[in-house]
Amino acid sequence: MSNLDFPVLCKNIPQRGTKWFKYFFAHLLRAQGWHIEGKIPNIPKAVIIVAPHTSNIDAWFSFLAVLALDLKITILAKHTLFVTPFDKLMHWFGMMPVNRDHPQGLTEHLIKEIATQERIWIAMSPEGTRKQAKQWKSGFYRIAKAAHIPIIMIALDYRHKTIRVLGQKTCTDDYQQDMQEILMAYQGNFSAKNPLQLSDPLRLIDVK
């Protein structure tokens, strides 16, 4: 742990290498009462999923955590958001423009991108929306399985102002069982900003 009690990244994890930014955003995150809990897997490639997603503010705390850890990640964003002058800032942060009207092509593109990189972590929202989702999207799972990389699970806990690293999951040939294990990792470890907007899979395992 650092002097701010944040997890320290090991050598295999993709890092930004911006020490000044790291301490600035670590202090900013702590000033808002938040902390990061859990051991970050020391692996070079992964798909990261973050849940629950019920508010725009989720992105704010997630961004702060990424910069506070000095973690280098790739975030998928709608291609229409990349407009001047904000496009350069978005690329600097690690955002990748994607056209979500063609999801199959996107999956193939990401698998190829993962294969060409020595280190890459791709962050995705399994719920796909901050509104109440009936089910989780399977894109993150399909990408992880096809690329032969693990899934790292991150939970937001607004009740305790904690961002939790829940561990990693390697995909098998049993999608339903794998998804059940992923959801069970979240049980008791999250609380949403807007509980009424919880996705149905998280609502079913929500522990008050």
Protein backbone atom coordinates (compact mmCIF):
# COMPACT_ATOMS: atom_id res chain seq x y z
CA MET A 1 0.00 0.00 0.00
CA SER A 2 1.03 3.60 -0.54
CA ASN A 3 0.92 6.29 2.07
CA LEU A 4 -2.66 6.93 0.97
CA ASP A 5 -3.56 3.29 1.61
CA PHE A 6 -4.19 2.59 -2.07
CA PRO A 7 -3.12 -0.68 -3.72
CA VAL A 8 0.28 -0.58 -5.41
CA LEU A 9 0.50 -1.79 -9.01
CA CYS A 10 2.91 -4.65 -9.71
CA LYS A 11 5.18 -4.70 -12.76
CA ASN A 12 2.96 -6.69 -15.17
CA ILE A 13 0.02 -4.30 -14.85
CA PRO A 14 -0.22 -1.58 -17.54
CA GLN A 15 0.68 1.77 -15.98
CA ARG A 16 0.59 5.38 -17.11
CA GLY A 17 3.88 6.48 -15.53
CA THR A 18 2.56 9.86 -14.41
CA LYS A 19 3.64 10.08 -10.79
CA TRP A 20 2.52 13.66 -10.19
CA PHE A 21 -0.97 12.93 -11.54
CA LYS A 22 -1.13 9.81 -9.40
CA TYR A 23 -0.66 11.66 -6.12
CA PHE A 24 -2.86 14.58 -7.13
CA PHE A 25 -5.82 12.38 -8.00
CA ALA A 26 -5.21 10.08 -5.04
CA HIS A 27 -5.55 13.06 -2.71
CA LEU A 28 -8.60 14.25 -4.65
CA LEU A 29 -10.30 10.87 -4.30
CA ARG A 30 -9.51 10.68 -0.58
CA ALA A 31 -10.70 14.26 -0.06
CA GLN A 32 -14.13 13.09 -1.19
CA GLY A 33 -14.04 10.31 1.39
CA TRP A 34 -13.41 7.43 -1.01
CA HIS A 35 -10.82 4.67 -0.87
CA ILE A 36 -9.82 1.63 -2.90
CA GLU A 37 -9.87 -1.86 -1.41
CA GLY A 38 -8.55 -5.21 -2.63
CA LYS A 39 -5.54 -6.70 -4.37
CA ILE A 40 -5.09 -5.82 -8.03
CA PRO A 41 -4.11 -8.92 -10.06
CA ASN A 42 -0.58 -8.73 -11.46
CA ILE A 43 -1.48 -9.67 -15.03
CA PRO A 44 -0.65 -7.89 -18.32
CA LYS A 45 -3.97 -8.36 -20.13
CA ALA A 46 -7.54 -8.36 -18.85
CA VAL A 47 -11.10 -7.21 -19.36
CA ILE A 48 -12.27 -5.10 -16.41
CA ILE A 49 -15.95 -4.88 -15.54
CA VAL A 50 -17.28 -2.18 -13.22
CA ALA A 51 -20.71 -2.38 -11.56
CA PRO A 52 -23.21 -1.17 -10.56
CA HIS A 53 -23.74 1.64 -13.06
CA THR A 54 -26.76 3.73 -12.08
CA SER A 55 -25.50 7.32 -12.39
CA ASN A 56 -23.15 9.52 -14.42
CA ILE A 57 -21.18 10.12 -11.22
CA ASP A 58 -20.01 6.48 -11.41
CA ALA A 59 -17.68 7.52 -14.23
CA TRP A 60 -16.24 10.36 -12.15
CA PHE A 61 -15.20 8.13 -9.26
CA SER A 62 -13.97 5.43 -11.63
CA PHE A 63 -11.79 7.95 -13.50
CA LEU A 64 -10.39 9.27 -10.22
CA ALA A 65 -9.51 5.75 -9.13
CA VAL A 66 -7.77 4.95 -12.42
CA LEU A 67 -5.63 8.09 -12.21
CA ALA A 68 -5.00 7.67 -8.47
CA LEU A 69 -3.61 4.20 -9.14
CA ASP A 70 -1.67 5.34 -12.23
CA LEU A 71 -3.45 2.54 -14.09
CA LYS A 72 -3.40 2.57 -17.89
CA ILE A 73 -6.67 1.25 -19.28
CA THR A 74 -8.58 1.27 -22.54
CA ILE A 75 -12.16 2.51 -22.34
CA LEU A 76 -14.65 2.07 -25.14
CA ALA A 77 -16.55 5.25 -26.01
CA LYS A 78 -19.01 6.24 -28.71
CA HIS A 79 -17.15 7.53 -31.76
CA THR A 80 -19.46 10.53 -31.94
CA LEU A 81 -17.98 11.85 -28.67
CA PHE A 82 -14.55 12.38 -30.24
CA VAL A 83 -14.88 15.98 -31.32
CA THR A 84 -12.33 18.79 -31.23
CA PRO A 85 -10.88 19.87 -28.82
CA PHE A 86 -11.92 17.06 -26.48
CA ASP A 87 -10.75 14.20 -28.70
CA LYS A 88 -7.09 14.64 -27.73
CA LEU A 89 -7.94 14.53 -24.03
CA MET A 90 -10.06 11.42 -24.53
CA HIS A 91 -7.25 9.66 -26.39
CA TRP A 92 -4.79 10.67 -23.63
CA PHE A 93 -7.00 9.13 -21.00
CA GLY A 94 -7.18 5.86 -22.92
CA MET A 95 -10.56 6.08 -24.61
CA MET A 96 -11.03 4.19 -27.86
CA PRO A 97 -13.67 5.39 -30.36
CA VAL A 98 -16.08 2.63 -31.36
CA ASN A 99 -19.18 2.41 -33.52
CA ARG A 100 -21.68 0.45 -31.46
CA ASP A 101 -23.97 0.00 -34.44
CA HIS A 102 -21.69 -2.86 -35.50
CA PRO A 103 -21.01 -4.91 -32.31
CA GLN A 104 -19.72 -8.00 -34.12
CA GLY A 105 -17.03 -6.03 -35.90
CA LEU A 106 -16.14 -4.34 -32.62
CA THR A 107 -15.55 -7.67 -30.89
CA GLU A 108 -13.25 -8.86 -33.66
CA HIS A 109 -11.39 -5.55 -33.65
CA LEU A 110 -10.79 -5.71 -29.89
CA ILE A 111 -9.56 -9.29 -30.02
CA LYS A 112 -6.99 -8.29 -32.67
CA GLU A 113 -6.00 -5.22 -30.65
CA ILE A 114 -5.44 -7.34 -27.54
CA ALA A 115 -3.25 -9.76 -29.49
CA THR A 116 -0.97 -6.95 -30.71
CA GLN A 117 -0.43 -5.38 -27.28
CA GLU A 118 2.09 -6.48 -24.67
CA ARG A 119 -0.08 -5.05 -21.90
CA ILE A 120 -3.70 -3.97 -22.18
CA TRP A 121 -6.65 -3.74 -19.81
CA ILE A 122 -10.02 -3.00 -21.39
CA ALA A 123 -12.71 -1.56 -19.11
CA MET A 124 -16.38 -2.23 -19.81
CA SER A 125 -19.74 -1.80 -18.11
CA PRO A 126 -21.55 -5.16 -18.10
CA GLU A 127 -24.89 -3.40 -17.63
CA GLY A 128 -24.35 -1.19 -20.66
CA THR A 129 -26.62 1.55 -19.31
CA ARG A 130 -27.27 3.46 -16.11
CA LYS A 131 -30.98 2.68 -16.42
CA GLN A 132 -32.41 -0.50 -14.95
CA ALA A 133 -31.20 -3.29 -17.24
CA LYS A 134 -33.02 -6.60 -17.46
CA GLN A 135 -29.78 -8.49 -17.95
CA TRP A 136 -26.05 -7.97 -18.34
CA LYS A 137 -24.56 -7.69 -21.79
CA SER A 138 -22.31 -10.58 -22.79
CA GLY A 139 -19.78 -8.61 -24.83
CA PHE A 140 -17.18 -8.41 -22.07
CA TYR A 141 -17.37 -12.18 -21.58
CA ARG A 142 -17.11 -12.99 -25.29
CA ILE A 143 -14.08 -10.74 -25.68
CA ALA A 144 -12.31 -12.19 -22.64
CA LYS A 145 -13.00 -15.77 -23.70
CA ALA A 146 -11.98 -15.30 -27.33
CA ALA A 147 -8.80 -13.44 -26.34
CA HIS A 148 -7.98 -15.97 -23.60
CA ILE A 149 -7.64 -13.32 -20.91
CA PRO A 150 -9.27 -13.12 -17.45
CA ILE A 151 -12.05 -10.84 -16.27
CA ILE A 152 -11.29 -8.52 -13.34
CA MET A 153 -14.34 -7.54 -11.32
CA ILE A 154 -14.68 -4.08 -9.75
CA ALA A 155 -17.55 -3.00 -7.48
CA LEU A 156 -18.72 0.48 -6.50
CA ASP A 157 -19.96 0.76 -2.92
CA TYR A 158 -21.53 4.16 -2.27
CA ARG A 159 -22.66 3.22 1.22
CA HIS A 160 -19.05 2.86 2.36
CA LYS A 161 -17.48 5.08 -0.32
CA THR A 162 -15.31 2.20 -1.46
CA ILE A 163 -14.14 0.94 -4.83
CA ARG A 164 -13.55 -2.80 -4.42
CA VAL A 165 -11.34 -5.08 -6.48
CA LEU A 166 -13.15 -8.42 -6.24
CA GLY A 167 -10.58 -10.60 -7.99
CA GLN A 168 -10.41 -12.25 -11.39
CA LYS A 169 -12.34 -14.92 -13.26
CA THR A 170 -11.13 -17.11 -16.11
CA CYS A 171 -13.80 -18.06 -18.63
CA THR A 172 -14.66 -21.73 -19.07
CA ASP A 173 -16.98 -23.45 -21.54
CA ASP A 174 -19.95 -22.93 -19.21
CA TYR A 175 -21.26 -19.39 -19.71
CA GLN A 176 -24.13 -19.67 -17.24
CA GLN A 177 -21.92 -21.03 -14.47
CA ASP A 178 -19.25 -18.42 -15.11
CA MET A 179 -21.80 -15.59 -14.97
CA GLN A 180 -23.22 -16.97 -11.75
CA GLU A 181 -19.74 -17.00 -10.17
CA ILE A 182 -19.10 -13.44 -11.35
CA LEU A 183 -22.35 -12.21 -9.82
CA MET A 184 -21.68 -14.05 -6.57
CA ALA A 185 -18.39 -12.16 -6.29
CA TYR A 186 -20.43 -8.95 -6.21
CA GLN A 187 -22.86 -10.14 -3.55
CA GLY A 188 -22.46 -8.07 -0.39
CA ASN A 189 -19.73 -5.93 -1.95
CA PHE A 190 -21.65 -3.17 -3.73
CA SER A 191 -24.23 -0.44 -3.20
CA ALA A 192 -25.55 1.77 -5.97
CA LYS A 193 -25.79 5.54 -6.20
CA ASN A 194 -29.39 5.10 -7.37
CA PRO A 195 -30.64 1.73 -6.04
CA LEU A 196 -33.89 1.94 -8.01
CA GLN A 197 -31.82 1.83 -11.20
CA LEU A 198 -30.03 -1.42 -10.32
CA SER A 199 -29.88 -4.01 -13.07
CA ASP A 200 -32.00 -7.09 -12.42
CA PRO A 201 -29.01 -9.47 -11.94
CA LEU A 202 -27.61 -7.25 -9.16
CA ARG A 203 -31.05 -6.61 -7.69
CA LEU A 204 -31.52 -10.35 -7.19
CA ILE A 205 -28.33 -10.64 -5.13
CA ASP A 206 -28.51 -7.27 -3.37
CA VAL A 207 -27.86 -7.58 0.36
CA LYS A 208 -29.29 -4.67 2.35
